[in-house]
N, C-alpha and C. Protein backbone atom coordinates (compact mmCIF):
# COMPACT_ATOMS: atom_id res chain seq x y z
N MET A 1 180.68 79.32 134.63
CA MET A 1 180.11 80.53 135.17
C MET A 1 180.89 80.93 136.43
N MET A 2 181.22 82.16 136.52
CA MET A 2 181.97 82.65 137.67
C MET A 2 181.00 83.34 138.65
N ALA A 3 181.23 83.07 139.91
CA ALA A 3 180.39 83.65 140.96
C ALA A 3 180.98 84.98 141.44
N ASN A 4 180.14 85.76 142.06
CA ASN A 4 180.59 86.99 142.69
C ASN A 4 181.61 86.63 143.77
N PRO A 5 182.78 87.26 143.77
CA PRO A 5 183.84 86.89 144.72
C PRO A 5 183.42 87.00 146.19
N ILE A 6 182.62 87.99 146.53
CA ILE A 6 182.17 88.14 147.92
C ILE A 6 181.23 87.00 148.31
N LEU A 7 180.30 86.68 147.41
CA LEU A 7 179.38 85.58 147.69
C LEU A 7 180.12 84.25 147.76
N LEU A 8 181.14 84.10 146.93
CA LEU A 8 181.93 82.87 146.92
C LEU A 8 182.69 82.72 148.25
N GLN A 9 183.23 83.79 148.79
CA GLN A 9 183.92 83.73 150.08
C GLN A 9 182.95 83.31 151.19
N LYS A 10 181.73 83.82 151.14
CA LYS A 10 180.73 83.42 152.13
C LYS A 10 180.37 81.95 151.98
N LYS A 11 180.28 81.49 150.74
CA LYS A 11 180.00 80.08 150.47
C LYS A 11 181.11 79.22 151.05
N TYR A 12 182.36 79.61 150.80
CA TYR A 12 183.50 78.87 151.33
C TYR A 12 183.39 78.73 152.85
N SER A 13 183.08 79.82 153.54
CA SER A 13 183.03 79.77 155.00
C SER A 13 181.93 78.83 155.50
N ARG A 14 180.78 78.84 154.83
CA ARG A 14 179.70 77.93 155.23
C ARG A 14 180.08 76.47 155.00
N VAL A 15 180.71 76.20 153.87
CA VAL A 15 181.12 74.83 153.53
C VAL A 15 182.18 74.35 154.52
N ILE A 16 183.14 75.20 154.83
CA ILE A 16 184.20 74.83 155.77
C ILE A 16 183.62 74.53 157.14
N GLU A 17 182.70 75.35 157.59
CA GLU A 17 182.08 75.13 158.90
C GLU A 17 181.30 73.81 158.92
N CYS A 18 180.55 73.55 157.88
CA CYS A 18 179.78 72.30 157.79
C CYS A 18 180.73 71.09 157.76
N PHE A 19 181.78 71.18 156.97
CA PHE A 19 182.76 70.10 156.87
C PHE A 19 183.43 69.85 158.22
N ALA A 20 183.81 70.90 158.92
CA ALA A 20 184.46 70.77 160.22
C ALA A 20 183.55 70.03 161.21
N LYS A 21 182.28 70.39 161.23
CA LYS A 21 181.33 69.73 162.13
C LYS A 21 181.15 68.26 161.77
N LYS A 22 180.98 67.97 160.48
CA LYS A 22 180.75 66.59 160.04
C LYS A 22 181.97 65.71 160.30
N GLN A 23 183.16 66.28 160.15
CA GLN A 23 184.39 65.50 160.25
C GLN A 23 185.00 65.55 161.66
N GLY A 24 184.47 66.42 162.51
CA GLY A 24 185.00 66.54 163.87
C GLY A 24 186.37 67.21 163.90
N LEU A 25 186.57 68.18 163.02
CA LEU A 25 187.83 68.90 162.94
C LEU A 25 187.66 70.31 163.50
N SER A 26 188.78 70.91 163.89
CA SER A 26 188.73 72.32 164.26
C SER A 26 188.53 73.13 162.98
N LEU A 27 188.09 74.36 163.13
CA LEU A 27 187.92 75.20 161.95
C LEU A 27 189.24 75.43 161.23
N ASP A 28 190.33 75.54 161.98
CA ASP A 28 191.65 75.72 161.36
C ASP A 28 192.04 74.52 160.52
N GLU A 29 191.81 73.32 161.06
CA GLU A 29 192.13 72.10 160.31
C GLU A 29 191.27 72.00 159.05
N ALA A 30 189.98 72.29 159.20
CA ALA A 30 189.07 72.22 158.06
C ALA A 30 189.44 73.27 157.01
N LEU A 31 189.80 74.46 157.45
CA LEU A 31 190.19 75.53 156.54
C LEU A 31 191.43 75.13 155.75
N ASP A 32 192.43 74.60 156.44
CA ASP A 32 193.66 74.17 155.78
C ASP A 32 193.38 73.09 154.75
N PHE A 33 192.57 72.10 155.12
CA PHE A 33 192.25 71.03 154.18
C PHE A 33 191.48 71.58 152.98
N PHE A 34 190.51 72.43 153.24
CA PHE A 34 189.68 72.98 152.18
C PHE A 34 190.52 73.68 151.12
N TYR A 35 191.42 74.56 151.55
CA TYR A 35 192.19 75.35 150.58
C TYR A 35 193.24 74.54 149.84
N HIS A 36 193.41 73.28 150.21
CA HIS A 36 194.31 72.39 149.47
C HIS A 36 193.54 71.28 148.75
N SER A 37 192.22 71.40 148.69
CA SER A 37 191.38 70.34 148.13
C SER A 37 191.06 70.56 146.65
N VAL A 38 190.70 69.48 146.01
CA VAL A 38 190.23 69.52 144.63
C VAL A 38 188.88 70.25 144.57
N THR A 39 188.06 70.02 145.57
CA THR A 39 186.75 70.66 145.63
C THR A 39 186.90 72.18 145.59
N TYR A 40 187.84 72.72 146.35
CA TYR A 40 188.08 74.17 146.34
C TYR A 40 188.51 74.62 144.95
N GLN A 41 189.41 73.89 144.33
CA GLN A 41 189.88 74.27 142.99
C GLN A 41 188.73 74.32 142.00
N LEU A 42 187.86 73.33 142.06
CA LEU A 42 186.71 73.29 141.15
C LEU A 42 185.76 74.45 141.41
N MET A 43 185.52 74.74 142.67
CA MET A 43 184.64 75.86 143.02
C MET A 43 185.25 77.18 142.56
N ARG A 44 186.53 77.37 142.84
CA ARG A 44 187.21 78.62 142.51
C ARG A 44 187.22 78.88 141.01
N GLU A 45 187.40 77.82 140.23
CA GLU A 45 187.48 77.96 138.78
C GLU A 45 186.12 77.91 138.10
N GLY A 46 185.07 77.64 138.87
CA GLY A 46 183.72 77.62 138.31
C GLY A 46 183.45 76.41 137.44
N ILE A 47 184.24 75.35 137.60
CA ILE A 47 184.08 74.14 136.80
C ILE A 47 182.83 73.40 137.25
N SER A 48 182.03 73.00 136.28
CA SER A 48 180.78 72.26 136.52
C SER A 48 179.86 72.99 137.49
N ASP A 49 180.03 74.28 137.60
CA ASP A 49 179.20 75.09 138.51
C ASP A 49 179.18 74.51 139.93
N MET A 50 180.33 74.01 140.38
CA MET A 50 180.44 73.43 141.72
C MET A 50 180.00 74.43 142.79
N HIS A 51 180.25 75.70 142.57
CA HIS A 51 179.89 76.72 143.55
C HIS A 51 178.37 76.86 143.69
N CYS A 52 177.62 76.27 142.78
CA CYS A 52 176.16 76.32 142.84
C CYS A 52 175.56 75.16 143.63
N MET A 53 176.39 74.18 143.97
CA MET A 53 175.92 73.03 144.74
C MET A 53 175.63 73.46 146.18
N SER A 54 174.83 72.67 146.87
CA SER A 54 174.49 73.00 148.25
C SER A 54 175.72 72.89 149.16
N ASP A 55 175.67 73.58 150.27
CA ASP A 55 176.76 73.53 151.24
C ASP A 55 176.98 72.10 151.73
N LEU A 56 175.90 71.39 151.99
CA LEU A 56 175.99 70.01 152.47
C LEU A 56 176.64 69.10 151.43
N TYR A 57 176.25 69.25 150.17
CA TYR A 57 176.85 68.46 149.09
C TYR A 57 178.35 68.70 149.03
N LEU A 58 178.76 69.95 149.11
CA LEU A 58 180.18 70.28 149.02
C LEU A 58 180.94 69.78 150.25
N ALA A 59 180.31 69.85 151.43
CA ALA A 59 180.94 69.30 152.63
C ALA A 59 181.10 67.79 152.50
N ASP A 60 180.12 67.13 151.90
CA ASP A 60 180.23 65.68 151.65
C ASP A 60 181.37 65.37 150.69
N GLU A 61 181.53 66.20 149.66
CA GLU A 61 182.64 66.01 148.72
C GLU A 61 183.98 66.17 149.43
N LEU A 62 184.07 67.14 150.31
CA LEU A 62 185.29 67.31 151.10
C LEU A 62 185.54 66.12 152.00
N GLN A 63 184.47 65.59 152.58
CA GLN A 63 184.58 64.43 153.46
C GLN A 63 185.11 63.22 152.68
N ILE A 64 184.66 63.04 151.46
CA ILE A 64 185.16 61.95 150.61
C ILE A 64 186.63 62.15 150.32
N GLU A 65 187.02 63.37 149.97
CA GLU A 65 188.43 63.66 149.72
C GLU A 65 189.27 63.41 150.96
N TYR A 66 188.77 63.83 152.12
CA TYR A 66 189.49 63.66 153.38
C TYR A 66 189.69 62.18 153.68
N THR A 67 188.63 61.40 153.50
CA THR A 67 188.71 59.97 153.75
C THR A 67 189.70 59.29 152.81
N GLU A 68 189.69 59.70 151.54
CA GLU A 68 190.63 59.13 150.58
C GLU A 68 192.07 59.47 150.93
N GLN A 69 192.28 60.67 151.44
CA GLN A 69 193.63 61.11 151.77
C GLN A 69 194.12 60.56 153.09
N TYR A 70 193.27 60.54 154.10
CA TYR A 70 193.70 60.16 155.44
C TYR A 70 193.14 58.81 155.90
N GLY A 71 192.23 58.23 155.13
CA GLY A 71 191.71 56.92 155.44
C GLY A 71 190.88 56.82 156.70
N LYS A 72 190.25 57.88 157.12
CA LYS A 72 189.38 57.83 158.29
C LYS A 72 188.19 58.72 158.09
N ARG A 73 187.16 58.45 158.81
CA ARG A 73 185.93 59.26 158.75
C ARG A 73 185.61 59.86 160.05
């Protein structure tokens, strides 16, 4: 299922902000990581309706990806 592009952009911004706060990153760092993440790809393509998950769930998924990539929390 594909989401409305405007609503999806708003979802992205909320998830990025939540991820930045949880991970202690600047918004620029969080934004850069988000747009290169698997989570973003899944949301953008509508796979498994990832865009329907809560902002907190998606921020947690990003945090897991970040930890796997950089080895820190």
